[in-house]
């Protein structure tokens, strides 16, 4: 009985230490960005030794994945399956962008110089945005113009460019008009324009 109790206490201690490391890392990523976050600072914030950080997370990939899961649990993205139309989806996506802007901006910026971070983003945020685009494209068909418009209106930096001068409703309306114009002017993928007759 005593042995079971000790093992349970040990497991709780390990889990608590891991949680403190992940929370400290997430706070630093939010404040400074992943590229400016050192293991020494993580350890100091978490109240552990540097070697303890490495014991729990032997490489950057493991730490980035744990932080991504932690942040995603606190700020879950909207579910594209629940969207009723283009504007509904864009409204929810842009609200989520606004809620998570500081962290998302830091992470996307630093992914340019941290391959391990890119490896976490691509199957995470990258895959999510592919699902978003597929859901938003329902009813618009598939063409190069529509695909390009969807990439534009769901792109985080593009949303940032719209966000300061426009309020959420104006940004959604402008983005929806871009997609609708692309759909009206598009040709099915793989078809070519007919040559003009003389």
N, C-alpha and C. Protein backbone atom coordinates (compact mmCIF):
# COMPACT_ATOMS: atom_id res chain seq x y z
N UNK A 1 0.83 -1.20 0.00
CA UNK A 1 0.00 0.00 0.00
C UNK A 1 0.87 1.26 0.00
N UNK A 2 1.90 1.25 0.86
CA UNK A 2 2.81 2.39 0.93
C UNK A 2 3.51 2.61 -0.39
N UNK A 3 3.92 1.52 -1.05
CA UNK A 3 4.60 1.61 -2.35
C UNK A 3 3.70 2.24 -3.40
N UNK A 4 2.43 1.83 -3.43
CA UNK A 4 1.48 2.42 -4.39
C UNK A 4 1.31 3.92 -4.15
N UNK A 5 1.22 4.29 -2.90
CA UNK A 5 1.06 5.69 -2.53
C UNK A 5 2.28 6.50 -2.99
N UNK A 6 3.47 5.93 -2.76
CA UNK A 6 4.70 6.62 -3.17
C UNK A 6 4.78 6.78 -4.68
N UNK A 7 4.39 5.73 -5.40
CA UNK A 7 4.39 5.81 -6.86
C UNK A 7 3.40 6.85 -7.36
N UNK A 8 2.25 6.92 -6.73
CA UNK A 8 1.24 7.92 -7.12
C UNK A 8 1.76 9.33 -6.86
N UNK A 9 2.39 9.52 -5.70
CA UNK A 9 2.95 10.83 -5.36
C UNK A 9 4.03 11.22 -6.36
N UNK A 10 4.86 10.25 -6.72
CA UNK A 10 5.94 10.50 -7.67
C UNK A 10 5.36 10.90 -9.04
N UNK A 11 4.36 10.19 -9.49
CA UNK A 11 3.74 10.51 -10.78
C UNK A 11 3.11 11.89 -10.76
N UNK A 12 2.46 12.25 -9.66
CA UNK A 12 1.85 13.58 -9.54
C UNK A 12 2.92 14.66 -9.55
N UNK A 13 4.05 14.40 -8.88
CA UNK A 13 5.15 15.36 -8.85
C UNK A 13 5.72 15.56 -10.26
N UNK A 14 5.91 14.46 -10.97
CA UNK A 14 6.44 14.54 -12.34
C UNK A 14 5.48 15.33 -13.23
N UNK A 15 4.19 15.03 -13.12
CA UNK A 15 3.19 15.72 -13.94
C UNK A 15 3.12 17.21 -13.59
N UNK A 16 3.21 17.52 -12.32
CA UNK A 16 3.18 18.92 -11.87
C UNK A 16 4.40 19.68 -12.40
N UNK A 17 5.56 19.05 -12.36
CA UNK A 17 6.79 19.68 -12.87
C UNK A 17 6.67 19.93 -14.37
N UNK A 18 6.19 18.93 -15.07
CA UNK A 18 6.00 19.06 -16.52
C UNK A 18 5.04 20.21 -16.84
N UNK A 19 3.94 20.27 -16.11
CA UNK A 19 2.96 21.34 -16.34
C UNK A 19 3.58 22.72 -16.10
N UNK A 20 4.37 22.86 -15.02
CA UNK A 20 5.01 24.15 -14.73
C UNK A 20 5.97 24.56 -15.84
N UNK A 21 6.70 23.58 -16.38
CA UNK A 21 7.62 23.88 -17.48
C UNK A 21 6.86 24.35 -18.71
N UNK A 22 5.79 23.65 -19.05
CA UNK A 22 5.00 24.00 -20.24
C UNK A 22 4.35 25.37 -20.05
N UNK A 23 3.80 25.64 -18.88
CA UNK A 23 3.17 26.94 -18.63
C UNK A 23 4.19 28.07 -18.68
N UNK A 24 5.36 27.84 -18.11
CA UNK A 24 6.41 28.86 -18.15
C UNK A 24 6.85 29.12 -19.58
N UNK A 25 7.01 28.07 -20.35
CA UNK A 25 7.42 28.21 -21.75
C UNK A 25 6.36 28.95 -22.55
N UNK A 26 5.10 28.61 -22.35
CA UNK A 26 4.02 29.29 -23.07
C UNK A 26 3.99 30.78 -22.75
N UNK A 27 4.17 31.12 -21.48
CA UNK A 27 4.19 32.55 -21.10
C UNK A 27 5.33 33.28 -21.80
N UNK A 28 6.50 32.65 -21.84
CA UNK A 28 7.66 33.27 -22.49
C UNK A 28 7.46 33.38 -23.99
N UNK A 29 6.85 32.37 -24.61
CA UNK A 29 6.56 32.45 -26.04
C UNK A 29 5.59 33.59 -26.33
N UNK A 30 4.64 33.80 -25.44
CA UNK A 30 3.69 34.89 -25.60
C UNK A 30 4.37 36.25 -25.43
N UNK A 31 5.24 36.35 -24.44
CA UNK A 31 5.92 37.62 -24.15
C UNK A 31 7.01 37.95 -25.16
N UNK A 32 7.83 36.94 -25.53
CA UNK A 32 9.03 37.20 -26.32
C UNK A 32 9.07 36.49 -27.65
N UNK A 33 8.38 35.37 -27.72
CA UNK A 33 8.47 34.52 -28.90
C UNK A 33 9.40 33.35 -28.64
N UNK A 34 9.18 32.24 -29.34
CA UNK A 34 10.00 31.05 -29.13
C UNK A 34 11.49 31.26 -29.37
N UNK A 35 11.84 32.05 -30.41
CA UNK A 35 13.26 32.23 -30.74
C UNK A 35 14.03 32.95 -29.64
N UNK A 36 13.36 33.78 -28.87
CA UNK A 36 14.02 34.55 -27.80
C UNK A 36 13.86 33.90 -26.44
N UNK A 37 13.35 32.68 -26.39
CA UNK A 37 13.13 31.98 -25.13
C UNK A 37 14.25 30.98 -24.90
N UNK A 38 14.96 31.13 -23.78
CA UNK A 38 16.07 30.22 -23.47
C UNK A 38 15.62 29.17 -22.45
N UNK A 39 16.31 28.04 -22.46
CA UNK A 39 16.02 26.99 -21.49
C UNK A 39 16.30 27.49 -20.08
N UNK A 40 17.33 28.31 -19.92
CA UNK A 40 17.66 28.86 -18.60
C UNK A 40 16.50 29.69 -18.05
N UNK A 41 15.88 30.50 -18.92
CA UNK A 41 14.76 31.34 -18.48
C UNK A 41 13.53 30.48 -18.19
N UNK A 42 13.31 29.45 -19.01
CA UNK A 42 12.20 28.53 -18.75
C UNK A 42 12.37 27.89 -17.37
N UNK A 43 13.57 27.40 -17.10
CA UNK A 43 13.85 26.74 -15.82
C UNK A 43 13.63 27.71 -14.66
N UNK A 44 14.11 28.95 -14.82
CA UNK A 44 13.94 29.94 -13.76
C UNK A 44 12.46 30.21 -13.50
N UNK A 45 11.70 30.40 -14.56
CA UNK A 45 10.26 30.69 -14.40
C UNK A 45 9.51 29.50 -13.81
N UNK A 46 9.92 28.30 -14.18
CA UNK A 46 9.23 27.10 -13.70
C UNK A 46 9.70 26.67 -12.32
N UNK A 47 10.80 27.27 -11.85
CA UNK A 47 11.33 26.91 -10.53
C UNK A 47 12.01 25.55 -10.52
N UNK A 48 12.69 25.22 -11.63
CA UNK A 48 13.38 23.93 -11.73
C UNK A 48 14.80 24.17 -12.26
N UNK A 49 15.60 23.11 -12.28
CA UNK A 49 16.93 23.17 -12.86
C UNK A 49 16.84 23.00 -14.38
N UNK A 50 17.86 23.49 -15.08
CA UNK A 50 17.88 23.33 -16.54
C UNK A 50 17.81 21.86 -16.94
N UNK A 51 18.54 21.02 -16.22
CA UNK A 51 18.55 19.59 -16.58
C UNK A 51 17.15 18.97 -16.43
N UNK A 52 16.33 19.54 -15.52
CA UNK A 52 14.96 19.04 -15.36
C UNK A 52 14.14 19.33 -16.62
N UNK A 53 14.36 20.51 -17.20
CA UNK A 53 13.67 20.84 -18.45
C UNK A 53 14.05 19.82 -19.52
N UNK A 54 15.35 19.55 -19.64
CA UNK A 54 15.82 18.59 -20.65
C UNK A 54 15.35 17.17 -20.35
N UNK A 55 15.21 16.82 -19.08
CA UNK A 55 14.71 15.48 -18.74
C UNK A 55 13.29 15.28 -19.23
N UNK A 56 12.48 16.33 -19.13
CA UNK A 56 11.09 16.25 -19.58
C UNK A 56 10.95 16.46 -21.09
N UNK A 57 11.80 17.33 -21.64
CA UNK A 57 11.71 17.69 -23.06
C UNK A 57 13.12 17.68 -23.64
N UNK A 58 13.55 16.55 -24.16
CA UNK A 58 14.93 16.41 -24.61
C UNK A 58 15.30 17.25 -25.83
N UNK A 59 14.30 17.72 -26.57
CA UNK A 59 14.61 18.57 -27.73
C UNK A 59 13.52 19.62 -27.92
N UNK A 60 13.80 20.56 -28.82
CA UNK A 60 12.85 21.64 -29.08
C UNK A 60 11.51 21.13 -29.59
N UNK A 61 11.54 20.11 -30.43
CA UNK A 61 10.30 19.59 -31.01
C UNK A 61 9.33 19.13 -29.92
N UNK A 62 9.85 18.42 -28.93
CA UNK A 62 9.00 17.92 -27.85
C UNK A 62 8.41 19.08 -27.04
N UNK A 63 9.22 20.09 -26.77
CA UNK A 63 8.74 21.23 -26.00
C UNK A 63 7.73 22.05 -26.80
N UNK A 64 8.01 22.28 -28.07
CA UNK A 64 7.08 23.04 -28.90
C UNK A 64 5.74 22.31 -29.04
N UNK A 65 5.79 21.00 -29.20
CA UNK A 65 4.55 20.22 -29.33
C UNK A 65 3.73 20.30 -28.05
N UNK A 66 4.39 20.20 -26.90
CA UNK A 66 3.67 20.29 -25.61
C UNK A 66 3.06 21.67 -25.43
N UNK A 67 3.80 22.70 -25.79
CA UNK A 67 3.28 24.07 -25.66
C UNK A 67 2.11 24.31 -26.60
N UNK A 68 2.22 23.78 -27.82
CA UNK A 68 1.14 23.93 -28.79
C UNK A 68 -0.14 23.27 -28.27
N UNK A 69 0.00 22.07 -27.71
CA UNK A 69 -1.17 21.36 -27.17
C UNK A 69 -1.76 22.13 -25.98
N UNK A 70 -0.90 22.67 -25.14
CA UNK A 70 -1.36 23.44 -23.97
C UNK A 70 -2.11 24.69 -24.42
N UNK A 71 -1.52 25.45 -25.34
CA UNK A 71 -2.14 26.68 -25.83
C UNK A 71 -3.45 26.37 -26.56
N UNK A 72 -3.42 25.32 -27.38
CA UNK A 72 -4.63 24.94 -28.11
C UNK A 72 -5.76 24.52 -27.19
N UNK A 73 -5.42 23.90 -26.06
CA UNK A 73 -6.44 23.53 -25.08
C UNK A 73 -7.08 24.74 -24.42
N UNK A 74 -6.29 25.79 -24.25
CA UNK A 74 -6.80 27.02 -23.64
C UNK A 74 -7.53 27.91 -24.64
N UNK A 75 -7.15 27.80 -25.91
CA UNK A 75 -7.72 28.65 -26.96
C UNK A 75 -8.13 27.79 -28.16
N UNK A 76 -9.12 26.93 -27.99
CA UNK A 76 -9.48 26.02 -29.09
C UNK A 76 -9.99 26.79 -30.31
N UNK A 77 -9.59 26.35 -31.49
CA UNK A 77 -10.06 27.03 -32.70
C UNK A 77 -11.52 26.69 -32.96
N UNK A 78 -12.21 27.55 -33.70
CA UNK A 78 -13.62 27.25 -34.03
C UNK A 78 -13.72 26.04 -34.93
N UNK A 79 -14.84 25.35 -34.85
CA UNK A 79 -15.06 24.12 -35.61
C UNK A 79 -15.69 24.44 -36.96
N UNK A 80 -14.96 24.23 -38.06
CA UNK A 80 -15.52 24.53 -39.39
C UNK A 80 -16.79 23.75 -39.71
N UNK A 81 -16.97 22.58 -39.10
CA UNK A 81 -18.15 21.77 -39.38
C UNK A 81 -19.43 22.45 -38.91
N UNK A 82 -19.32 23.42 -38.00
CA UNK A 82 -20.51 24.09 -37.47
C UNK A 82 -20.90 25.33 -38.27
N UNK A 83 -20.08 25.71 -39.26
CA UNK A 83 -20.34 26.95 -39.98
C UNK A 83 -21.47 26.78 -41.00
N UNK A 84 -22.32 27.77 -41.07
CA UNK A 84 -23.47 27.70 -41.96
C UNK A 84 -23.21 28.36 -43.31
N UNK A 85 -22.27 29.30 -43.36
CA UNK A 85 -21.94 29.95 -44.62
C UNK A 85 -20.59 30.63 -44.51
N UNK A 86 -20.16 31.26 -45.60
CA UNK A 86 -18.84 31.89 -45.68
C UNK A 86 -18.65 32.96 -44.60
N UNK A 87 -19.61 33.85 -44.46
CA UNK A 87 -19.46 34.95 -43.51
C UNK A 87 -19.44 34.44 -42.07
N UNK A 88 -20.26 33.45 -41.77
CA UNK A 88 -20.26 32.85 -40.43
C UNK A 88 -18.87 32.29 -40.12
N UNK A 89 -18.30 31.55 -41.06
CA UNK A 89 -16.98 30.96 -40.85
C UNK A 89 -15.90 32.01 -40.69
N UNK A 90 -15.91 33.02 -41.56
CA UNK A 90 -14.91 34.08 -41.46
C UNK A 90 -15.03 34.84 -40.14
N UNK A 91 -16.26 35.08 -39.71
CA UNK A 91 -16.47 35.79 -38.44
C UNK A 91 -15.85 35.03 -37.28
N UNK A 92 -16.07 33.72 -37.24
CA UNK A 92 -15.51 32.92 -36.15
C UNK A 92 -13.99 32.80 -36.26
N UNK A 93 -13.48 32.63 -37.48
CA UNK A 93 -12.03 32.53 -37.67
C UNK A 93 -11.36 33.83 -37.25
N UNK A 94 -11.90 34.97 -37.66
CA UNK A 94 -11.28 36.25 -37.33
C UNK A 94 -11.38 36.55 -35.83
N UNK A 95 -12.45 36.13 -35.19
CA UNK A 95 -12.55 36.31 -33.73
C UNK A 95 -11.47 35.50 -33.03
N UNK A 96 -11.21 34.29 -33.53
CA UNK A 96 -10.15 33.45 -32.95
C UNK A 96 -8.79 34.07 -33.21
N UNK A 97 -8.58 34.60 -34.41
CA UNK A 97 -7.31 35.29 -34.70
C UNK A 97 -7.11 36.45 -33.73
N UNK A 98 -8.17 37.20 -33.50
CA UNK A 98 -8.04 38.35 -32.59
C UNK A 98 -7.68 37.88 -31.18
N UNK A 99 -8.33 36.82 -30.71
CA UNK A 99 -8.08 36.29 -29.37
C UNK A 99 -6.64 35.79 -29.21
N UNK A 100 -6.11 35.20 -30.26
CA UNK A 100 -4.79 34.55 -30.16
C UNK A 100 -3.69 35.34 -30.87
N UNK A 101 -3.97 36.56 -31.28
CA UNK A 101 -3.03 37.31 -32.13
C UNK A 101 -1.60 37.40 -31.59
N UNK A 102 -1.38 37.79 -30.33
CA UNK A 102 0.02 37.94 -29.90
C UNK A 102 0.83 36.65 -30.02
N UNK A 103 0.25 35.54 -29.58
CA UNK A 103 0.97 34.27 -29.65
C UNK A 103 1.14 33.82 -31.10
N UNK A 104 0.07 33.89 -31.89
CA UNK A 104 0.15 33.44 -33.28
C UNK A 104 1.18 34.25 -34.05
N UNK A 105 1.22 35.55 -33.83
CA UNK A 105 2.20 36.41 -34.52
C UNK A 105 3.62 36.01 -34.13
N UNK A 106 3.87 35.79 -32.85
CA UNK A 106 5.21 35.40 -32.40
C UNK A 106 5.63 34.06 -32.99
N UNK A 107 4.71 33.10 -32.96
CA UNK A 107 5.03 31.75 -33.43
C UNK A 107 5.27 31.73 -34.94
N UNK A 108 4.41 32.38 -35.71
CA UNK A 108 4.59 32.39 -37.17
C UNK A 108 5.86 33.13 -37.56
N UNK A 109 6.17 34.21 -36.86
CA UNK A 109 7.41 34.94 -37.13
C UNK A 109 8.63 34.05 -36.87
N UNK A 110 8.65 33.39 -35.71
CA UNK A 110 9.83 32.61 -35.32
C UNK A 110 9.94 31.29 -36.06
N UNK A 111 8.84 30.80 -36.62
CA UNK A 111 8.89 29.57 -37.40
C UNK A 111 9.78 29.73 -38.63
N UNK A 112 10.00 30.97 -39.05
CA UNK A 112 10.87 31.23 -40.19
C UNK A 112 12.32 30.85 -39.90
N UNK A 113 12.70 30.87 -38.62
CA UNK A 113 14.10 30.59 -38.24
C UNK A 113 14.25 29.34 -37.38
N UNK A 114 13.14 28.72 -36.98
CA UNK A 114 13.19 27.53 -36.13
C UNK A 114 12.52 26.35 -36.84
N UNK A 115 13.30 25.49 -37.50
CA UNK A 115 12.70 24.35 -38.22
C UNK A 115 11.84 23.46 -37.33
N UNK A 116 12.24 23.26 -36.06
CA UNK A 116 11.46 22.40 -35.16
C UNK A 116 10.08 23.00 -34.91
N UNK A 117 9.99 24.31 -34.87
CA UNK A 117 8.70 24.98 -34.68
C UNK A 117 7.86 24.84 -35.94
N UNK A 118 8.49 24.98 -37.10
CA UNK A 118 7.76 24.79 -38.36
C UNK A 118 7.17 23.40 -38.44
N UNK A 119 7.93 22.41 -37.96
CA UNK A 119 7.46 21.03 -38.00
C UNK A 119 6.23 20.80 -37.12
N UNK A 120 6.04 21.64 -36.11
CA UNK A 120 4.85 21.55 -35.25
C UNK A 120 3.68 22.32 -35.88
N UNK A 121 3.98 23.46 -36.49
CA UNK A 121 2.93 24.31 -37.05
C UNK A 121 2.26 23.67 -38.26
N UNK A 122 3.05 23.07 -39.15
CA UNK A 122 2.49 22.56 -40.40
C UNK A 122 1.39 21.52 -40.19
N UNK A 123 1.61 20.50 -39.35
CA UNK A 123 0.50 19.55 -39.14
C UNK A 123 -0.56 20.07 -38.17
N UNK A 124 -0.28 21.14 -37.47
CA UNK A 124 -1.23 21.71 -36.53
C UNK A 124 -2.05 22.81 -37.18
N UNK A 125 -1.55 24.04 -37.12
CA UNK A 125 -2.26 25.19 -37.71
C UNK A 125 -2.41 25.02 -39.21
N UNK A 126 -1.38 24.51 -39.87
CA UNK A 126 -1.46 24.34 -41.32
C UNK A 126 -2.59 23.41 -41.72
N UNK A 127 -2.69 22.28 -41.06
CA UNK A 127 -3.77 21.32 -41.37
C UNK A 127 -5.13 21.90 -41.01
N UNK A 128 -5.20 22.63 -39.90
CA UNK A 128 -6.47 23.24 -39.51
C UNK A 128 -6.94 24.23 -40.58
N UNK A 129 -6.03 25.06 -41.08
CA UNK A 129 -6.43 26.05 -42.08
C UNK A 129 -6.83 25.39 -43.40
N UNK A 130 -6.26 24.24 -43.72
CA UNK A 130 -6.72 23.51 -44.91
C UNK A 130 -8.18 23.07 -44.73
N UNK A 131 -8.51 22.60 -43.53
CA UNK A 131 -9.90 22.21 -43.24
C UNK A 131 -10.82 23.42 -43.29
N UNK A 132 -10.35 24.55 -42.80
CA UNK A 132 -11.12 25.80 -42.84
C UNK A 132 -11.41 26.18 -44.29
N UNK A 133 -10.39 26.15 -45.12
CA UNK A 133 -10.58 26.53 -46.53
C UNK A 133 -11.54 25.61 -47.24
N UNK A 134 -11.44 24.33 -46.96
CA UNK A 134 -12.36 23.36 -47.57
C UNK A 134 -13.80 23.64 -47.16
N UNK A 135 -14.00 23.95 -45.86
CA UNK A 135 -15.36 24.24 -45.38
C UNK A 135 -15.90 25.53 -45.98
N UNK A 136 -15.07 26.55 -46.05
CA UNK A 136 -15.51 27.84 -46.59
C UNK A 136 -15.78 27.78 -48.09
N UNK A 137 -15.09 26.89 -48.78
CA UNK A 137 -15.23 26.81 -50.24
C UNK A 137 -16.49 26.08 -50.68
N UNK A 138 -17.21 25.48 -49.74
CA UNK A 138 -18.43 24.75 -50.09
C UNK A 138 -19.39 25.68 -50.83
N UNK A 139 -19.80 25.24 -52.00
CA UNK A 139 -20.74 26.03 -52.78
C UNK A 139 -20.08 26.97 -53.77
N UNK A 140 -18.75 27.13 -53.68
CA UNK A 140 -18.06 28.05 -54.59
C UNK A 140 -17.32 27.32 -55.70
N UNK A 141 -17.32 25.99 -55.66
CA UNK A 141 -16.59 25.23 -56.67
C UNK A 141 -15.10 25.31 -56.43
N UNK A 142 -14.36 24.65 -57.29
CA UNK A 142 -12.91 24.63 -57.15
C UNK A 142 -12.28 25.22 -58.40
N UNK A 143 -11.54 26.28 -58.22
CA UNK A 143 -10.81 26.91 -59.32
C UNK A 143 -9.58 27.56 -58.72
N UNK A 144 -8.65 27.91 -59.58
CA UNK A 144 -7.43 28.58 -59.09
C UNK A 144 -7.76 29.89 -58.39
N UNK A 145 -8.70 30.64 -58.94
CA UNK A 145 -9.06 31.93 -58.34
C UNK A 145 -9.71 31.74 -56.97
N UNK A 146 -10.65 30.81 -56.88
CA UNK A 146 -11.31 30.57 -55.59
C UNK A 146 -10.30 30.07 -54.57
N UNK A 147 -9.43 29.13 -54.99
CA UNK A 147 -8.42 28.62 -54.07
C UNK A 147 -7.51 29.74 -53.58
N UNK A 148 -7.09 30.61 -54.50
CA UNK A 148 -6.22 31.73 -54.12
C UNK A 148 -6.95 32.70 -53.19
N UNK A 149 -8.21 32.96 -53.49
CA UNK A 149 -8.99 33.86 -52.63
C UNK A 149 -9.14 33.27 -51.24
N UNK A 150 -9.40 31.97 -51.15
CA UNK A 150 -9.53 31.31 -49.84
C UNK A 150 -8.23 31.39 -49.05
N UNK A 151 -7.11 31.21 -49.75
CA UNK A 151 -5.82 31.31 -49.06
C UNK A 151 -5.62 32.72 -48.52
N UNK A 152 -6.02 33.70 -49.33
CA UNK A 152 -5.85 35.10 -48.92
C UNK A 152 -6.71 35.44 -47.71
N UNK A 153 -7.99 35.11 -47.75
CA UNK A 153 -8.90 35.55 -46.69
C UNK A 153 -8.74 34.76 -45.39
N UNK A 154 -8.06 33.60 -45.45
CA UNK A 154 -7.82 32.84 -44.22
C UNK A 154 -6.40 33.01 -43.71
N UNK A 155 -5.59 33.78 -44.40
CA UNK A 155 -4.19 33.99 -44.02
C UNK A 155 -4.10 34.93 -42.82
N UNK A 156 -3.39 34.50 -41.79
CA UNK A 156 -3.28 35.32 -40.57
C UNK A 156 -2.66 36.69 -40.84
N UNK A 157 -1.51 36.78 -41.55
CA UNK A 157 -0.97 38.12 -41.83
C UNK A 157 -1.92 39.00 -42.65
N UNK A 158 -2.69 38.39 -43.56
CA UNK A 158 -3.67 39.18 -44.33
C UNK A 158 -4.75 39.72 -43.39
N UNK A 159 -5.20 38.87 -42.44
CA UNK A 159 -6.18 39.35 -41.46
C UNK A 159 -5.59 40.50 -40.65
N UNK A 160 -4.32 40.39 -40.25
CA UNK A 160 -3.68 41.47 -39.49
C UNK A 160 -3.68 42.78 -40.27
N UNK A 161 -3.49 42.69 -41.59
CA UNK A 161 -3.49 43.90 -42.41
C UNK A 161 -4.86 44.54 -42.46
N UNK A 162 -5.91 43.72 -42.37
CA UNK A 162 -7.28 44.25 -42.38
C UNK A 162 -7.71 44.76 -41.01
N UNK A 163 -7.23 44.10 -39.95
CA UNK A 163 -7.77 44.33 -38.61
C UNK A 163 -7.62 45.76 -38.10
N UNK A 164 -6.48 46.42 -38.23
CA UNK A 164 -6.42 47.77 -37.66
C UNK A 164 -7.36 48.78 -38.33
N UNK A 165 -7.40 48.86 -39.68
CA UNK A 165 -8.30 49.88 -40.23
C UNK A 165 -9.77 49.49 -40.21
N UNK A 166 -10.08 48.19 -40.20
CA UNK A 166 -11.46 47.74 -40.28
C UNK A 166 -11.90 47.05 -38.99
N UNK A 167 -13.18 47.18 -38.66
CA UNK A 167 -13.69 46.39 -37.54
C UNK A 167 -14.01 44.99 -38.06
N UNK A 168 -14.38 44.10 -37.15
CA UNK A 168 -14.58 42.70 -37.53
C UNK A 168 -15.62 42.53 -38.64
N UNK A 169 -16.74 43.20 -38.53
CA UNK A 169 -17.80 43.05 -39.54
C UNK A 169 -17.33 43.54 -40.90
N UNK A 170 -16.60 44.67 -40.93
CA UNK A 170 -16.10 45.19 -42.21
C UNK A 170 -15.07 44.25 -42.83
N UNK A 171 -14.20 43.68 -41.99
CA UNK A 171 -13.18 42.75 -42.49
C UNK A 171 -13.84 41.49 -43.07
N UNK A 172 -14.85 40.97 -42.39
CA UNK A 172 -15.57 39.79 -42.87
C UNK A 172 -16.24 40.10 -44.20
N UNK A 173 -16.89 41.24 -44.30
CA UNK A 173 -17.61 41.59 -45.52
C UNK A 173 -16.65 41.75 -46.70
N UNK A 174 -15.53 42.43 -46.47
CA UNK A 174 -14.55 42.60 -47.55
C UNK A 174 -13.99 41.26 -47.99
N UNK A 175 -13.63 40.42 -47.03
CA UNK A 175 -13.08 39.10 -47.36
C UNK A 175 -14.09 38.25 -48.12
N UNK A 176 -15.35 38.29 -47.70
CA UNK A 176 -16.39 37.51 -48.38
C UNK A 176 -16.57 38.01 -49.81
N UNK A 177 -16.50 39.31 -50.02
CA UNK A 177 -16.64 39.87 -51.37
C UNK A 177 -15.49 39.44 -52.27
N UNK A 178 -14.29 39.31 -51.70
CA UNK A 178 -13.14 38.83 -52.48
C UNK A 178 -13.40 37.41 -52.99
N UNK A 179 -13.89 36.55 -52.10
CA UNK A 179 -14.18 35.16 -52.49
C UNK A 179 -15.30 35.12 -53.52
N UNK A 180 -16.35 35.88 -53.31
CA UNK A 180 -17.48 35.88 -54.23
C UNK A 180 -17.08 36.40 -55.62
N UNK A 181 -16.23 37.42 -55.65
CA UNK A 181 -15.75 37.94 -56.94
C UNK A 181 -14.88 36.88 -57.63
N UNK A 182 -14.03 36.22 -56.88
CA UNK A 182 -13.18 35.16 -57.46
C UNK A 182 -14.05 34.05 -58.03
N UNK A 183 -15.11 33.69 -57.33
CA UNK A 183 -15.99 32.61 -57.81
C UNK A 183 -16.70 33.03 -59.10
N UNK A 184 -17.14 34.29 -59.17
CA UNK A 184 -17.84 34.76 -60.37
C UNK A 184 -16.93 34.80 -61.59
N UNK A 185 -15.67 35.12 -61.36
CA UNK A 185 -14.75 35.29 -62.48
C UNK A 185 -13.90 34.07 -62.77
N UNK A 186 -14.15 33.00 -62.07
CA UNK A 186 -13.26 31.84 -62.22
C UNK A 186 -13.74 30.88 -63.29
N UNK A 187 -12.77 30.12 -63.76
CA UNK A 187 -13.05 29.02 -64.67
C UNK A 187 -12.71 27.74 -63.92
N UNK A 188 -13.36 26.64 -64.26
CA UNK A 188 -13.00 25.38 -63.61
C UNK A 188 -11.52 25.09 -63.77
N UNK A 189 -10.94 24.49 -62.74
CA UNK A 189 -9.52 24.17 -62.76
C UNK A 189 -9.19 23.31 -63.97
N UNK A 190 -8.11 23.68 -64.66
CA UNK A 190 -7.66 22.88 -65.80
C UNK A 190 -8.22 23.33 -67.14
N UNK A 191 -9.19 24.25 -67.14
CA UNK A 191 -9.73 24.72 -68.43
C UNK A 191 -9.00 25.98 -68.83
N UNK A 192 -8.97 26.23 -70.11
CA UNK A 192 -8.29 27.42 -70.61
C UNK A 192 -9.32 28.36 -71.25
N UNK A 193 -8.99 29.61 -71.21
CA UNK A 193 -9.87 30.59 -71.84
C UNK A 193 -9.90 30.33 -73.35
N UNK A 194 -11.07 30.51 -73.97
CA UNK A 194 -11.15 30.37 -75.41
C UNK A 194 -10.50 31.58 -76.08
N UNK A 195 -9.79 31.34 -77.19
CA UNK A 195 -9.17 32.49 -77.87
C UNK A 195 -10.26 33.43 -78.42
N UNK A 196 -9.97 34.71 -78.36
CA UNK A 196 -10.94 35.69 -78.87
C UNK A 196 -11.09 35.54 -80.36
N UNK A 197 -12.32 35.69 -80.86
CA UNK A 197 -12.57 35.61 -82.31
C UNK A 197 -12.31 36.96 -82.93
N UNK A 198 -11.75 36.90 -84.14
CA UNK A 198 -11.48 38.18 -84.83
C UNK A 198 -12.64 38.56 -85.73
